[in-house]
Amino acid sequence: MGVKRFLFGFCVAASAAAGLWFFRTPTAEERLAAYEKAAATRGSVIYHTTLLDKHMIFEAENCRVYLLDNTGPEVQRTKVVRPGFYFFLDGCMEQSFSRDADYLYVYLANRAIGAGGGNTSGGNYRTKDGLTWEKRMDRGWEAVETAQL
């Protein structure tokens, strides 16, 4: 009789523990890891860096750059850079991140489809804080808002 009670109690406790584990809330690191795995299947590039002493996570997907926030129940994306408007069909051919001591740089190669193409509206972008971006133009670095007019 003692063995049956022990086994019954063990099964009930194991079931309860499994249920608690299954319904638990994932940690911020687990949510981000799952998001990064899914992003890789979409062809996104995830980049972790520190800007102005703050850890930041960026995602480049389809020649658009997003700032990621994994502090809530789901990973949130805020669009921070996108190439300018192109009237005809275009596609993202390349997207990459790089760093130096002061800036985070993003290269977006957004190309026209057909007729030889060319880098239609992408280019080189940079930021010091992750929120204010500049675009490399012939005359130097300009704020994204004025550079794409």
Foldseek 3Di string as FASTA:
>chain_A
DVVVVVVVVVVVVVVVVVVCVVPDQDDLVVQVVVVVVVCVVQVKDWDWDAFPNRIWIWIQHFQWIWTWDSPDSHIDTDTQDHFADDDADKTWDDWDWDDDPAKIKIFTQIWHPDPPTGSDTTAMKIDRHSRWIWGQDPVGTDTPVVVRD
